[in-house]
Protein backbone atom coordinates (compact mmCIF):
# COMPACT_ATOMS: atom_id res chain seq x y z
CA MET A 1 0.00 0.00 0.00
CA VAL A 2 2.84 2.43 0.86
CA GLU A 3 4.60 1.70 -2.42
CA PHE A 4 1.36 2.33 -4.29
CA VAL A 5 0.88 5.74 -2.60
CA VAL A 6 4.49 6.78 -3.35
CA ALA A 7 4.15 5.66 -6.96
CA LEU A 8 0.80 7.45 -7.27
CA VAL A 9 2.29 10.73 -6.01
CA CYS A 10 5.16 10.43 -8.48
CA ILE A 11 2.77 9.72 -11.34
CA LEU A 12 0.55 12.67 -10.36
CA VAL A 13 3.54 15.02 -10.31
CA LEU A 14 4.64 13.74 -13.74
CA VAL A 15 1.16 14.12 -15.23
CA ALA A 16 0.78 17.60 -13.72
CA GLY A 17 4.19 18.55 -15.13
CA ILE A 18 3.22 17.37 -18.59
CA ILE A 19 -0.05 19.30 -18.39
CA GLN A 20 1.79 22.42 -17.19
CA ILE A 21 4.31 22.20 -20.03
CA ALA A 22 1.47 21.80 -22.53
CA VAL A 23 -0.31 24.87 -21.12
CA LEU A 24 2.90 26.92 -21.23
CA GLY A 25 3.58 25.80 -24.81
CA PHE A 26 0.06 26.72 -25.89
CA LYS A 27 0.23 30.14 -24.19
CA GLN A 28 3.69 30.87 -25.67
CA SER A 29 2.44 29.94 -29.13
CA LYS A 30 -0.60 32.19 -28.70
CA LEU A 31 1.60 35.02 -27.39
CA MET A 32 4.00 34.79 -30.33
CA SER A 33 1.05 34.73 -32.74
CA GLU A 34 -0.30 37.96 -31.22
CA ALA A 35 3.16 39.57 -31.38
CA ARG A 36 3.53 38.52 -35.05
CA ARG A 37 0.10 39.95 -35.85
CA GLU A 38 0.97 43.28 -34.23
CA ALA A 39 4.40 43.40 -35.91
CA GLY A 40 2.75 42.62 -39.24
CA GLN A 41 0.34 45.52 -38.79
CA LYS A 42 3.24 47.85 -37.95
CA ALA A 43 5.17 46.58 -40.98
CA MET A 44 2.30 47.58 -43.27
CA LEU A 45 2.08 51.19 -42.05
CA GLU A 46 3.01 54.01 -44.41
CA ALA A 47 5.13 55.70 -41.72
CA SER A 48 7.53 53.60 -39.71
CA SER A 49 6.81 53.13 -36.02
CA PHE A 50 10.43 52.09 -35.55
CA ALA A 51 12.01 53.49 -32.41
CA GLY A 52 15.30 51.66 -32.71
CA PRO A 53 16.71 48.73 -30.80
CA GLN A 54 18.38 48.93 -27.43
CA PHE A 55 22.06 48.29 -27.93
CA ILE A 56 23.73 46.34 -25.15
CA SER A 57 27.42 46.88 -24.58
CA THR A 58 28.03 44.33 -21.82
CA CYS A 59 26.05 41.95 -19.61
CA THR A 60 26.77 41.00 -16.02
CA VAL A 61 25.52 37.71 -14.60
CA GLY A 62 22.90 38.18 -11.87
CA SER A 63 22.35 36.51 -8.54
CA ASP A 64 21.10 33.24 -10.05
CA GLU A 65 24.52 32.85 -11.75
CA ILE A 66 22.90 31.96 -15.07
CA ALA A 67 23.95 34.06 -18.05
CA TYR A 68 21.29 35.83 -20.13
CA SER A 69 18.46 35.49 -17.60
CA LEU A 70 16.04 38.13 -16.29
CA ASP A 71 18.13 39.13 -13.28
CA ASP A 72 21.24 39.96 -15.32
CA GLY A 73 22.49 43.52 -15.48
CA LYS A 74 23.31 45.28 -18.73
CA THR A 75 25.24 48.30 -19.83
CA ASP A 76 23.63 50.22 -22.66
CA GLY A 77 25.69 50.45 -25.80
CA ASP A 78 25.98 53.21 -28.31
CA VAL A 79 24.72 53.14 -31.89
CA SER A 80 28.17 54.33 -33.01
CA ASP A 81 29.49 50.91 -31.95
CA LEU A 82 27.60 49.50 -34.93
CA THR A 83 29.32 51.86 -37.32
CA VAL A 84 32.78 51.61 -35.79
CA GLY A 85 32.69 47.94 -34.83
CA VAL A 86 30.94 46.45 -37.83
CA ALA A 87 30.57 48.68 -40.88
CA SER A 88 34.04 50.26 -40.73
CA HIS A 89 35.70 46.83 -41.15
CA ALA A 90 34.13 46.60 -44.61
CA LYS A 91 36.02 49.75 -45.72
CA PRO A 92 32.82 51.56 -46.79
CA ASP A 93 34.58 54.29 -48.77
CA ALA A 94 36.49 51.83 -50.96
CA LEU A 95 33.38 49.68 -51.24
CA ASN A 96 31.31 52.68 -52.36
CA ASP A 97 33.85 53.38 -55.15
CA LEU A 98 33.42 49.82 -56.40
CA CYS A 99 29.67 49.57 -55.85
CA PRO A 100 27.87 52.90 -55.36
CA ASP A 101 24.83 52.99 -53.05
CA ASN A 102 25.60 49.64 -51.44
CA PRO A 103 23.90 48.86 -48.11
CA VAL A 104 27.15 48.69 -46.09
CA SER A 105 28.22 52.19 -47.14
CA THR A 106 24.73 53.45 -46.37
CA VAL A 107 24.91 52.05 -42.84
CA ALA A 108 28.42 53.40 -42.29
CA GLY A 109 27.51 56.87 -43.55
CA SER A 110 24.30 57.23 -41.56
CA ALA A 111 24.03 59.07 -38.24
CA PHE A 112 21.31 56.57 -37.30
CA PRO A 113 22.42 53.32 -38.96
CA HIS A 114 19.78 51.20 -37.23
CA PHE A 115 17.06 53.01 -39.21
CA THR A 116 18.52 51.76 -42.49
CA PHE A 117 17.59 48.19 -41.56
CA GLY A 118 13.88 49.06 -41.67
CA LEU A 119 12.69 46.82 -38.87
CA VAL A 120 9.63 47.07 -36.65
CA GLU A 121 9.21 45.35 -33.31
CA SER A 122 6.34 43.92 -31.33
CA GLU A 123 6.59 42.59 -27.83
CA LYS A 124 3.97 40.80 -25.75
CA THR A 125 4.11 39.49 -22.20
CA GLU A 126 1.70 37.34 -20.22
CA ARG A 127 1.68 35.78 -16.76
CA VAL A 128 0.58 32.15 -16.61
CA ASP A 129 -0.64 30.73 -13.30
CA LEU A 130 0.92 27.43 -12.32
CA ILE A 131 -0.99 24.30 -11.38
CA PRO A 132 -0.99 24.05 -7.55
CA ILE A 133 0.96 20.78 -7.39
CA ILE A 134 3.70 22.21 -9.65
CA ARG A 135 3.73 25.47 -7.68
CA GLU A 136 4.12 23.68 -4.35
CA LEU A 137 6.38 20.75 -5.22
CA VAL A 138 8.47 21.93 -8.16
CA TYR A 139 8.68 25.65 -8.93
CA GLY A 140 7.80 27.51 -5.73
CA LYS A 141 6.21 30.53 -7.46
CA ASP A 142 2.59 31.36 -8.28
CA SER A 143 3.12 32.13 -11.97
CA ILE A 144 5.57 32.28 -14.83
CA GLU A 145 5.96 35.31 -17.06
CA LEU A 146 6.13 34.52 -20.76
CA LYS A 147 7.57 37.05 -23.17
CA GLY A 148 7.56 37.08 -26.95
CA THR A 149 9.43 39.54 -29.16
CA VAL A 150 9.08 39.67 -32.94
CA TRP A 151 11.01 41.80 -35.44
CA MET A 152 9.71 42.20 -38.99
CA THR A 153 10.82 44.13 -42.05
CA TRP A 154 8.99 47.41 -42.58
CA THR A 155 7.37 47.19 -46.03
CA LYS A 156 6.65 50.96 -46.31
CA GLY A 157 2.97 50.35 -46.97
CA LEU A 158 3.51 47.75 -49.69
CA TYR A 159 1.47 44.63 -49.58
């Protein structure tokens, strides 16, 4: 009888875990679909809603000691790092002599090079409540925050 109860608890935790993973997968899929829809609408606008990406210079590992997680610190970078660190290695002046109006020279010669990429962003977040058995025995928190970010090419009103 004791073995049966122990086995039953283990099976219940496994089944609850599978159900929780399925719910999280469904919610993440729905979240990404909503973000793609919103990014697609922004991509079709006549005027760009592009505000520019946040450039990150460096990251510091947070208290959980896992790199690239939510508690990590970041140092904002500068858009000039893109020009100096990337485009300048292509020798944009010499490249422009060989191939006028090429994209690399355009990026290198722009004061705001990130605008030349023509991207729009959409970001959605949602909190998903955990099943009580998973909350109590496995994760220790009431909910998980899901986040979905989508970048699309701005089509300048073309369809």
